[in-house]
Amino acid sequence: MSRKIQLITAGLVLGSIASVCSAQSPTTDSIRIESNQVNPPQNAMPQDLRGRVGEDFTEPPPVPPVPQSLTEETFTSGEAPLTIEAIESFACSRNPTLTQAQAQTQGELGKAIQAGLVPNPTLRYVGEQAGLEGTAGEWQGVEFSQRIVTAKKLQLSRAKFLQMTRASQWRALEQEYQVLNDVRMSFWMTLGQQQLVSIHNEILKNSEDAVVTARELYNEGQATRAQLHEANVMLQKARLDLLMIRNQLHAKWYEMASLAGLRMQPTPLDGSLEGELSLIDFDQALNRLTTESPQILGARAKLQADEIKVRRETVEPIPDLVVTYGYGRNFEAGQNTHNTGVSLEVPLYDWNQGTIRQAEADVMRQRGEIERIEFSLQRQLAQAYQNYLTALQNVRSYQEVILPESQRAYEVLLDAYKENRVDWPAVLQSQRNLYQEQTNYVQHLVAWRSQETLITGFLLQGGLTPPTGPTPPGHISATPKPR
């Protein structure tokens, strides 16, 4: 049956139906015209036809009107398409969490500088018994005192905070992976939604064609009104599906733009979801994760800092020397004199025993933290690898079997239709099945790309999560004068 069916009974077919059926391929505009013209005024129907409605011919139900939002353009910015490299570049320069991570590193470096500084000297003026019997006093002069820090305390303090700075640098690298992983996965999801919009546009055309075909068959007496209603339902569902995919595309685009630090209207993306299907080995991924992950390396750097801290707190009871020197005038003797002194604190009761125990507990806690992170990463990898492997298997199956077979099935039916061996609705259904499989294929590609990005990026996510510092709140190092 040709799509350009010539109606047999003259005068029984509405002008809108004839105009749609005469088109080479149905379009949204043609359907819209039909929906506006499908119900002519009652007085426009011939008198002899009105008398036979319900006996020989019944007017077909109107086509649902096209939603206004469906006629709007998907992208309105007019900007050139963005690649994944461009999005990554924006994220590296504009994501605020990367600036925060760098600021935290500078803060730890500031602690290292401050902790290693030599204490400032003290200078004071001394006047003894000034004004006694109207005299200048017994002695007046200037005293200078300096604390001499012993046991390499300053060097140990600076070494500890330099190690904390290294831990903070690993945390900054961890934040970079979190940002880039989120940006890449968001790019794949947005690109997938962009491709789904194109596929659903084809599904909508298929549904429009199905409506036209059903109305032609109805006019020839080969379809029922129920089938027309079902065709209208399918058309409206196709429109709603397309609107939903468009809405999801806009949402995904703005999520990606937020991670990249962009404030702009949705812009098309340039890229390909397909790529080389090389399998990631689980054991190699786990070994790389537990040896090279910034989380592990940062935790190990923190452990080294905690070990230095134990040494630092152990030498804290060794008293510092406070040396004093003074020069002035002894008015009673009438001579200039000097005075000197040395003082130190005797650790008789407080020899820092509580802080030493706290520092040792921090070492034990950090060793457990490293082991906890390793097992946590192993657990996360197991779930991510399962999703990755499943998606990869689906992508291969769709590329090698499902899509080629669906394409062949559609082509076989199309050839059979040309030879008048099958009806056109069967071809439309096969075409719709092909589009549905293409939709599933795109979804599996997005899942494969996302999980691959996650595994190769050390399972790090949270591109807008504030970066965590290496020093827990309330830690003994969180003091105005760190040590």
Protein backbone atom coordinates (compact mmCIF):
# COMPACT_ATOMS: atom_id res chain seq x y z
CA MET A 1 0.00 0.00 0.00
CA SER A 2 1.55 3.34 -1.02
CA ARG A 3 1.77 6.17 1.45
CA LYS A 4 0.14 8.40 -1.24
CA ILE A 5 -3.16 6.58 -1.17
CA GLN A 6 -5.75 8.04 -3.51
CA LEU A 7 -9.15 8.10 -1.88
CA ILE A 8 -11.87 6.33 -3.80
CA THR A 9 -15.02 7.98 -2.57
CA ALA A 10 -15.07 11.64 -3.58
CA GLY A 11 -16.59 14.06 -1.13
CA LEU A 12 -16.12 11.73 1.87
CA VAL A 13 -12.61 12.85 2.70
CA LEU A 14 -11.87 16.12 4.40
CA GLY A 15 -9.54 18.53 2.73
CA SER A 16 -7.12 18.38 5.64
CA ILE A 17 -6.78 14.61 5.31
CA ALA A 18 -6.13 14.86 1.59
CA SER A 19 -3.46 17.53 2.12
CA VAL A 20 -1.63 15.40 4.69
CA CYS A 21 -1.84 12.19 2.70
CA SER A 22 -0.46 13.86 -0.40
CA ALA A 23 2.79 14.78 1.38
CA GLN A 24 5.90 12.71 0.68
CA SER A 25 6.65 12.39 4.40
CA PRO A 26 4.44 13.63 7.25
CA THR A 27 5.79 16.50 9.30
CA THR A 28 4.80 18.27 12.46
CA ASP A 29 3.41 21.17 10.43
CA SER A 30 1.23 18.85 8.37
CA ILE A 31 -0.15 17.26 11.50
CA ARG A 32 -0.80 20.70 12.98
CA ILE A 33 -2.74 21.76 9.89
CA GLU A 34 -4.80 18.61 10.04
CA SER A 35 -5.61 19.11 13.70
CA ASN A 36 -6.84 22.65 12.97
CA GLN A 37 -8.98 21.66 9.99
CA VAL A 38 -10.23 18.24 10.94
CA ASN A 39 -13.57 19.51 12.34
CA PRO A 40 -15.25 21.67 9.65
CA PRO A 41 -18.36 23.63 10.58
CA GLN A 42 -21.53 21.60 10.60
CA ASN A 43 -23.03 23.59 7.74
CA ALA A 44 -19.98 22.82 5.59
CA MET A 45 -20.86 19.12 5.49
CA PRO A 46 -23.06 18.13 2.52
CA GLN A 47 -26.68 17.49 3.43
CA ASP A 48 -26.65 14.01 1.96
CA LEU A 49 -23.49 13.11 3.94
CA ARG A 50 -24.90 14.33 7.26
CA GLY A 51 -27.76 12.02 6.92
CA ARG A 52 -25.45 9.02 6.53
CA VAL A 53 -23.03 9.72 9.43
CA GLY A 54 -22.85 6.57 11.55
CA GLU A 55 -24.00 4.37 8.66
CA ASP A 56 -21.46 4.58 5.84
CA PHE A 57 -18.82 7.03 7.13
CA THR A 58 -17.99 8.66 10.45
CA GLU A 59 -15.67 11.62 10.76
CA PRO A 60 -12.24 10.59 12.16
CA PRO A 61 -11.29 11.98 15.58
CA PRO A 62 -9.11 15.12 15.50
CA VAL A 63 -5.37 14.91 15.90
CA PRO A 64 -4.18 16.30 19.27
CA PRO A 65 -2.82 19.86 18.91
CA VAL A 66 0.94 20.36 18.98
CA PRO A 67 2.26 21.72 22.34
CA GLN A 68 3.68 25.19 21.86
CA SER A 69 6.92 24.30 23.67
CA LEU A 70 7.57 21.58 21.10
CA THR A 71 8.04 24.17 18.36
CA GLU A 72 10.78 25.99 20.26
CA GLU A 73 14.43 25.47 19.42
CA THR A 74 16.47 23.18 21.67
CA PHE A 75 19.50 25.51 21.70
CA THR A 76 19.07 29.27 21.44
CA SER A 77 22.50 30.60 22.43
CA GLY A 78 23.97 30.61 18.94
CA GLU A 79 27.42 29.79 20.34
CA ALA A 80 29.82 27.36 18.67
CA PRO A 81 29.65 23.76 19.96
CA LEU A 82 31.78 23.04 23.02
CA THR A 83 34.20 20.11 23.23
CA ILE A 84 35.12 18.17 26.35
CA GLU A 85 38.57 19.80 26.31
CA ALA A 86 36.98 23.26 26.41
CA ILE A 87 34.72 22.30 29.31
CA GLU A 88 37.67 20.88 31.25
CA SER A 89 39.65 24.07 30.64
CA PHE A 90 36.80 26.18 32.00
CA ALA A 91 36.51 23.93 35.07
CA CYS A 92 40.24 24.14 35.86
CA SER A 93 40.17 27.93 35.85
CA ARG A 94 36.69 28.69 37.22
CA ASN A 95 35.63 25.97 39.63
CA PRO A 96 35.69 27.62 43.09
CA THR A 97 36.61 24.46 45.00
CA LEU A 98 40.00 24.33 43.27
CA THR A 99 40.73 27.85 44.52
CA GLN A 100 39.71 26.75 48.02
CA ALA A 101 41.98 23.71 47.84
CA GLN A 102 44.94 25.86 46.82
CA ALA A 103 44.16 28.30 49.62
CA GLN A 104 44.20 25.46 52.13
CA THR A 105 47.63 24.42 50.90
CA GLN A 106 48.89 27.96 51.34
CA GLY A 107 47.43 27.97 54.84
CA GLU A 108 49.36 24.84 55.78
CA LEU A 109 52.51 26.34 54.31
CA GLY A 110 51.92 29.42 56.45
CA LYS A 111 51.81 27.19 59.54
CA ALA A 112 55.16 25.68 58.55
CA ILE A 113 56.68 29.13 58.21
CA GLN A 114 55.24 30.33 61.50
CA ALA A 115 56.14 27.21 63.48
CA GLY A 116 59.82 27.46 62.59
CA LEU A 117 60.34 31.12 63.44
CA VAL A 118 62.74 32.04 66.26
CA PRO A 119 60.95 33.82 69.14
CA ASN A 120 61.25 37.59 69.18
CA PRO A 121 63.60 39.19 71.76
CA THR A 122 62.28 41.28 74.62
CA LEU A 123 63.62 44.79 75.33
CA ARG A 124 62.63 46.68 78.48
CA TYR A 125 63.65 49.74 80.48
CA VAL A 126 64.36 49.21 84.20
CA GLY A 127 64.46 51.90 86.90
CA GLU A 128 65.08 50.74 90.48
CA GLN A 129 63.96 52.91 93.40
CA ALA A 130 63.53 55.97 91.20
CA GLY A 131 62.57 59.11 93.17
CA LEU A 132 64.06 57.91 96.45
CA GLU A 133 64.89 61.10 98.42
CA GLY A 134 64.53 63.07 95.23
CA THR A 135 67.20 61.12 93.40
CA ALA A 136 67.13 59.20 90.13
CA GLY A 137 67.18 55.94 92.04
CA GLU A 138 69.69 53.22 92.63
CA TRP A 139 69.96 51.79 89.08
CA GLN A 140 68.44 52.64 85.73
CA GLY A 141 69.10 50.96 82.39
CA VAL A 142 67.90 48.74 79.55
CA GLU A 143 67.51 44.96 79.66
CA PHE A 144 67.44 42.62 76.68
CA SER A 145 66.16 39.03 76.94
CA GLN A 146 66.04 36.24 74.35
CA ARG A 147 64.47 32.78 74.49
CA ILE A 148 66.78 30.11 73.05
CA VAL A 149 64.70 27.15 71.83
CA THR A 150 66.45 23.87 72.53
CA ALA A 151 66.21 20.26 71.30
CA LYS A 152 65.54 21.30 67.66
CA LYS A 153 61.94 22.05 68.50
CA LEU A 154 61.58 24.68 65.79
CA GLN A 155 63.04 22.41 63.14
CA LEU A 156 60.71 19.56 64.13
CA SER A 157 57.70 21.87 64.15
CA ARG A 158 58.53 23.18 60.70
CA ALA A 159 59.16 19.65 59.38
CA LYS A 160 55.80 18.52 60.68
CA PHE A 161 53.88 21.33 59.01
CA LEU A 162 55.82 20.97 55.77
CA GLN A 163 54.64 17.37 55.76
CA MET A 164 51.12 18.61 56.43
CA THR A 165 51.54 20.91 53.45
CA ARG A 166 52.39 17.89 51.30
CA ALA A 167 49.27 16.17 52.59
CA SER A 168 47.26 19.26 51.68
CA GLN A 169 48.76 19.22 48.19
CA TRP A 170 47.51 15.64 47.75
CA ARG A 171 44.12 16.84 48.91
CA ALA A 172 44.24 19.59 46.29
CA LEU A 173 45.04 16.98 43.65
CA GLU A 174 42.17 14.89 44.96
CA GLN A 175 39.87 17.88 44.48
CA GLU A 176 41.10 18.30 40.90
CA TYR A 177 40.17 14.70 40.15
CA GLN A 178 36.78 15.21 41.76
CA VAL A 179 36.10 18.25 39.58
CA LEU A 180 37.38 16.74 36.33
CA ASN A 181 35.65 13.41 36.90
CA ASP A 182 32.33 15.14 37.53
CA VAL A 183 32.83 17.41 34.52
CA ARG A 184 33.63 14.49 32.22
CA MET A 185 30.76 12.33 33.42
CA SER A 186 28.42 15.29 33.16
CA PHE A 187 29.68 15.92 29.62
CA TRP A 188 28.94 12.32 28.60
CA MET A 189 25.47 12.50 30.13
CA THR A 190 24.69 15.80 28.43
CA LEU A 191 26.04 14.57 25.10
CA GLY A 192 23.92 11.44 25.47
CA GLN A 193 20.82 13.53 26.12
CA GLN A 194 21.66 15.59 23.05
CA GLN A 195 21.75 12.43 20.93
CA LEU A 196 18.52 11.19 22.52
CA VAL A 197 16.81 14.40 21.41
CA SER A 198 17.77 13.61 17.81
CA ILE A 199 16.51 10.03 18.12
CA HIS A 200 13.22 11.13 19.69
CA ASN A 201 12.73 13.63 16.89
CA GLU A 202 12.79 10.63 14.54
CA ILE A 203 10.42 8.73 16.82
CA LEU A 204 8.04 11.69 16.67
CA LYS A 205 8.15 11.66 12.87
CA ASN A 206 7.43 7.94 13.00
CA SER A 207 4.39 8.58 15.21
CA GLU A 208 3.17 11.34 12.90
CA ASP A 209 3.52 8.97 9.95
CA ALA A 210 1.57 6.35 11.90
CA VAL A 211 -1.28 8.82 12.47
CA VAL A 212 -1.43 9.73 8.79
CA THR A 213 -1.35 6.06 7.80
CA ALA A 214 -4.12 5.16 10.26
CA ARG A 215 -6.34 7.94 8.94
CA GLU A 216 -5.78 6.85 5.35
CA LEU A 217 -6.64 3.27 6.27
CA TYR A 218 -9.71 4.50 8.12
CA ASN A 219 -10.85 6.43 5.06
CA GLU A 220 -10.55 3.22 3.05
CA GLY A 221 -12.43 1.23 5.63
CA GLN A 222 -9.35 -0.77 6.70
CA ALA A 223 -8.93 0.69 10.20
CA THR A 224 -11.27 1.28 13.11
CA ARG A 225 -11.81 4.41 15.15
CA ALA A 226 -10.14 2.66 18.08
CA GLN A 227 -6.97 2.38 16.03
CA LEU A 228 -7.15 6.09 15.26
CA HIS A 229 -7.46 6.89 18.94
CA GLU A 230 -4.49 4.62 19.69
CA ALA A 231 -2.46 6.37 16.99
CA ASN A 232 -3.32 9.74 18.57
CA VAL A 233 -2.21 8.43 21.96
CA MET A 234 1.07 7.19 20.51
CA LEU A 235 1.65 10.56 18.84
CA GLN A 236 1.00 12.52 22.01
CA LYS A 237 3.24 10.21 24.06
CA ALA A 238 6.01 10.69 21.49
CA ARG A 239 5.63 14.46 21.85
CA LEU A 240 5.75 14.24 25.64
CA ASP A 241 8.79 11.94 25.51
CA LEU A 242 10.60 14.46 23.32
CA LEU A 243 9.71 17.31 25.69
CA MET A 244 10.96 15.25 28.64
CA ILE A 245 14.27 14.50 26.89
CA ARG A 246 14.66 18.18 26.06
CA ASN A 247 14.01 19.13 29.68
CA GLN A 248 16.55 16.57 30.83
CA LEU A 249 19.06 17.92 28.31
CA HIS A 250 18.71 21.44 29.71
CA ALA A 251 19.03 20.17 33.29
CA LYS A 252 22.15 18.13 32.47
CA TRP A 253 23.66 21.07 30.60
CA TYR A 254 23.25 23.42 33.54
CA GLU A 255 24.69 20.79 35.91
CA MET A 256 27.75 20.53 33.69
CA ALA A 257 27.98 24.32 33.40
CA SER A 258 27.88 24.65 37.20
CA LEU A 259 30.81 22.26 37.57
CA ALA A 260 32.74 24.18 34.92
CA GLY A 261 31.94 27.56 36.48
CA LEU A 262 29.97 28.76 33.44
CA ARG A 263 27.04 31.16 33.31
CA MET A 264 25.64 30.87 29.80
CA GLN A 265 22.69 29.53 27.84
CA PRO A 266 22.69 25.86 26.75
CA THR A 267 25.07 25.31 23.85
CA PRO A 268 25.48 22.23 21.63
CA LEU A 269 28.27 19.82 22.53
CA ASP A 270 30.76 18.41 20.07
CA GLY A 271 32.01 14.91 20.78
CA SER A 272 31.43 11.19 20.35
CA LEU A 273 30.24 8.71 22.95
CA GLU A 274 31.72 5.81 21.04
CA GLY A 275 35.34 4.86 21.53
CA GLU A 276 37.78 2.00 21.88
CA LEU A 277 36.25 -0.79 23.94
CA SER A 278 39.35 -1.90 25.83
CA LEU A 279 38.62 -3.78 29.06
CA ILE A 280 40.09 -2.41 32.29
CA ASP A 281 41.58 -5.18 34.42
CA PHE A 282 40.11 -5.22 37.92
CA ASP A 283 43.29 -6.28 39.75
CA GLN A 284 45.36 -3.63 38.00
CA ALA A 285 42.74 -0.99 38.76
CA LEU A 286 42.66 -2.02 42.43
CA ASN A 287 46.46 -1.98 42.72
CA ARG A 288 46.63 1.46 41.08
CA LEU A 289 43.87 2.69 43.35
CA THR A 290 45.57 1.60 46.58
CA THR A 291 49.02 2.85 45.59
CA GLU A 292 48.45 6.00 43.51
CA SER A 293 45.15 7.43 44.71
CA PRO A 294 45.50 10.98 46.10
CA GLN A 295 43.35 9.87 49.03
CA ILE A 296 45.88 7.18 50.00
CA LEU A 297 48.92 9.36 49.34
CA GLY A 298 47.43 12.23 51.32
CA ALA A 299 46.65 9.92 54.25
CA ARG A 300 50.19 8.55 54.22
CA ALA A 301 51.65 12.05 54.18
CA LYS A 302 49.45 12.88 57.15
CA LEU A 303 50.79 9.78 58.96
CA GLN A 304 54.36 10.97 58.47
CA ALA A 305 53.39 14.35 59.87
CA ASP A 306 51.82 12.67 62.90
CA GLU A 307 54.99 10.64 63.49
CA ILE A 308 57.07 13.83 63.40
CA LYS A 309 54.57 15.35 65.80
CA VAL A 310 55.26 12.58 68.35
CA ARG A 311 58.95 13.41 68.20
CA ARG A 312 58.17 17.10 68.55
CA GLU A 313 55.96 16.64 71.58
CA THR A 314 58.48 14.27 73.19
CA VAL A 315 61.16 16.98 73.27
CA GLU A 316 58.75 19.66 74.45
CA PRO A 317 59.61 19.13 78.20
CA ILE A 318 63.26 19.96 77.53
CA PRO A 319 63.40 23.51 78.87
CA ASP A 320 64.31 26.47 76.73
CA LEU A 321 66.92 28.94 77.96
CA VAL A 322 66.00 32.54 78.53
CA VAL A 323 69.13 34.72 78.47
CA THR A 324 68.96 38.25 79.88
CA TYR A 325 71.48 41.09 79.52
CA GLY A 326 71.18 44.59 80.89
CA TYR A 327 73.23 47.80 80.81
CA GLY A 328 72.61 50.88 82.93
CA ARG A 329 73.79 53.45 85.51
CA ASN A 330 74.21 52.76 89.18
CA PHE A 331 73.60 56.20 90.61
CA GLU A 332 74.49 55.13 94.14
CA ALA A 333 77.94 53.95 93.11
CA GLY A 334 78.25 56.48 90.31
CA GLN A 335 79.26 53.86 87.77
CA ASN A 336 77.85 52.22 84.65
CA THR A 337 77.14 48.53 85.21
CA HIS A 338 76.04 45.38 83.42
CA ASN A 339 73.72 42.61 84.54
CA THR A 340 73.18 39.14 83.05
CA GLY A 341 70.90 36.25 83.80
CA VAL A 342 69.83 32.83 82.59
CA SER A 343 66.52 31.20 83.44
CA LEU A 344 64.79 27.97 82.50
CA GLU A 345 61.60 26.15 83.35
CA VAL A 346 62.01 22.97 85.39
CA PRO A 347 59.61 20.23 84.12
CA LEU A 348 58.88 18.92 87.56
CA TYR A 349 55.13 18.29 87.30
CA ASP A 350 54.19 19.01 83.66
CA TRP A 351 56.43 17.14 81.24
CA ASN A 352 53.85 17.20 78.43
CA GLN A 353 52.71 13.66 79.16
CA GLY A 354 49.10 14.24 78.10
CA THR A 355 49.96 15.82 74.75
CA ILE A 356 52.46 13.07 74.00
CA ARG A 357 49.73 10.49 74.56
CA GLN A 358 47.39 12.45 72.31
CA ALA A 359 50.04 12.58 69.56
CA GLU A 360 50.62 8.83 69.83
CA ALA A 361 46.87 8.24 69.61
CA ASP A 362 46.78 10.36 66.44
CA VAL A 363 49.41 8.09 64.89
CA MET A 364 47.37 5.01 65.72
CA ARG A 365 44.21 6.63 64.39
CA GLN A 366 45.89 7.65 61.15
CA ARG A 367 47.23 4.14 60.54
CA GLY A 368 43.71 2.85 60.92
CA GLU A 369 42.50 5.62 58.61
CA ILE A 370 44.84 4.48 55.84
CA GLU A 371 43.57 0.93 56.12
CA ARG A 372 39.98 2.15 56.20
CA ILE A 373 40.49 4.17 53.02
CA GLU A 374 42.03 1.16 51.26
CA PHE A 375 39.08 -1.09 52.06
CA SER A 376 36.61 1.68 51.27
CA LEU A 377 38.21 2.18 47.85
CA GLN A 378 38.12 -1.56 47.22
CA ARG A 379 34.42 -1.61 48.03
CA GLN A 380 33.68 1.36 45.79
CA LEU A 381 35.71 -0.15 42.96
CA ALA A 382 33.76 -3.41 43.17
CA GLN A 383 30.47 -1.59 42.58
CA ALA A 384 31.85 0.76 39.93
CA TYR A 385 33.55 -2.11 38.08
CA GLN A 386 30.34 -4.12 38.06
CA ASN A 387 28.48 -1.19 36.47
CA TYR A 388 31.38 -0.61 34.05
CA LEU A 389 31.58 -4.25 32.98
CA THR A 390 27.81 -4.52 32.49
CA ALA A 391 27.73 -1.34 30.41
CA LEU A 392 30.71 -2.50 28.33
CA GLN A 393 29.06 -5.86 27.64
CA ASN A 394 25.86 -4.12 26.58
CA VAL A 395 27.71 -1.71 24.29
CA ARG A 396 29.51 -4.57 22.56
CA SER A 397 26.30 -6.57 22.15
CA TYR A 398 24.47 -3.58 20.71
CA GLN A 399 27.31 -2.80 18.31
CA GLU A 400 27.80 -6.38 17.14
CA VAL A 401 24.30 -7.87 17.25
CA ILE A 402 21.31 -5.86 18.40
CA LEU A 403 21.65 -2.71 16.27
CA PRO A 404 22.74 -4.52 13.07
CA GLU A 405 19.92 -7.07 13.44
CA SER A 406 17.36 -4.36 14.13
CA GLN A 407 18.56 -2.43 11.08
CA ARG A 408 18.33 -5.54 8.90
CA ALA A 409 14.85 -6.32 10.18
CA TYR A 410 13.70 -2.82 9.24
CA GLU A 411 15.33 -3.01 5.81
CA VAL A 412 13.80 -6.43 5.09
CA LEU A 413 10.32 -5.18 5.95
CA LEU A 414 10.86 -2.02 3.91
CA ASP A 415 11.84 -4.13 0.87
CA ALA A 416 8.86 -6.39 1.44
CA TYR A 417 6.56 -3.37 1.57
CA LYS A 418 7.91 -2.14 -1.74
CA GLU A 419 6.99 -5.54 -3.17
CA ASN A 420 3.48 -5.31 -1.62
CA ARG A 421 4.12 -8.26 0.69
CA VAL A 422 3.60 -6.42 4.00
CA ASP A 423 1.58 -3.42 5.09
CA TRP A 424 3.09 -0.04 5.89
CA PRO A 425 2.20 -0.15 9.63
CA ALA A 426 4.50 -3.17 10.04
CA VAL A 427 7.37 -1.12 8.56
CA LEU A 428 6.61 1.77 10.90
CA GLN A 429 6.64 -0.54 13.91
CA SER A 430 9.98 -2.02 12.88
CA GLN A 431 11.39 1.46 12.42
CA ARG A 432 10.13 2.44 15.85
CA ASN A 433 11.78 -0.65 17.36
CA LEU A 434 15.06 0.37 15.71
CA TYR A 435 14.85 3.86 17.23
CA GLN A 436 14.15 2.35 20.65
CA GLU A 437 17.23 0.15 20.41
CA GLN A 438 19.28 3.19 19.40
CA THR A 439 17.97 4.93 22.52
CA ASN A 440 19.07 1.99 24.69
CA TYR A 441 22.44 1.96 22.99
CA VAL A 442 23.06 5.63 23.80
CA GLN A 443 22.14 5.02 27.43
CA HIS A 444 24.60 2.11 27.66
CA LEU A 445 27.30 4.27 26.04
CA VAL A 446 26.75 6.97 28.67
CA ALA A 447 26.96 4.39 31.47
CA TRP A 448 30.16 2.89 30.01
CA ARG A 449 31.83 6.27 29.56
CA SER A 450 30.82 7.44 33.03
CA GLN A 451 32.06 4.35 34.85
CA GLU A 452 35.28 4.28 32.84
CA THR A 453 35.90 7.91 33.80
CA LEU A 454 35.20 7.10 37.44
CA ILE A 455 37.56 4.10 37.56
CA THR A 456 40.44 5.82 35.78
CA GLY A 457 39.88 8.90 37.97
CA PHE A 458 40.40 7.07 41.31
CA LEU A 459 36.62 6.92 42.01
CA LEU A 460 36.64 10.57 43.07
CA GLN A 461 33.44 12.61 42.82
CA GLY A 462 32.16 15.87 44.29
CA GLY A 463 33.16 18.69 41.96
CA LEU A 464 31.34 21.29 44.07
CA THR A 465 31.97 19.75 47.49
CA PRO A 466 34.22 21.91 49.71
CA PRO A 467 37.71 20.40 49.89
CA THR A 468 38.67 18.79 53.17
CA GLY A 469 41.83 19.80 55.00
CA PRO A 470 44.38 17.43 56.52
CA THR A 471 43.88 18.76 60.07
CA PRO A 472 40.68 17.66 61.84
CA PRO A 473 38.77 20.37 63.76
CA GLY A 474 39.95 20.76 67.37
CA HIS A 475 43.31 19.19 66.63
CA ILE A 476 46.27 20.21 68.85
CA SER A 477 47.89 21.83 65.80
CA ALA A 478 44.94 24.21 65.34
CA THR A 479 46.40 26.94 67.58
CA PRO A 480 47.49 30.53 66.95
CA LYS A 481 51.10 29.53 67.52
CA PRO A 482 51.42 26.04 65.98
CA ARG A 483 54.15 23.68 67.02
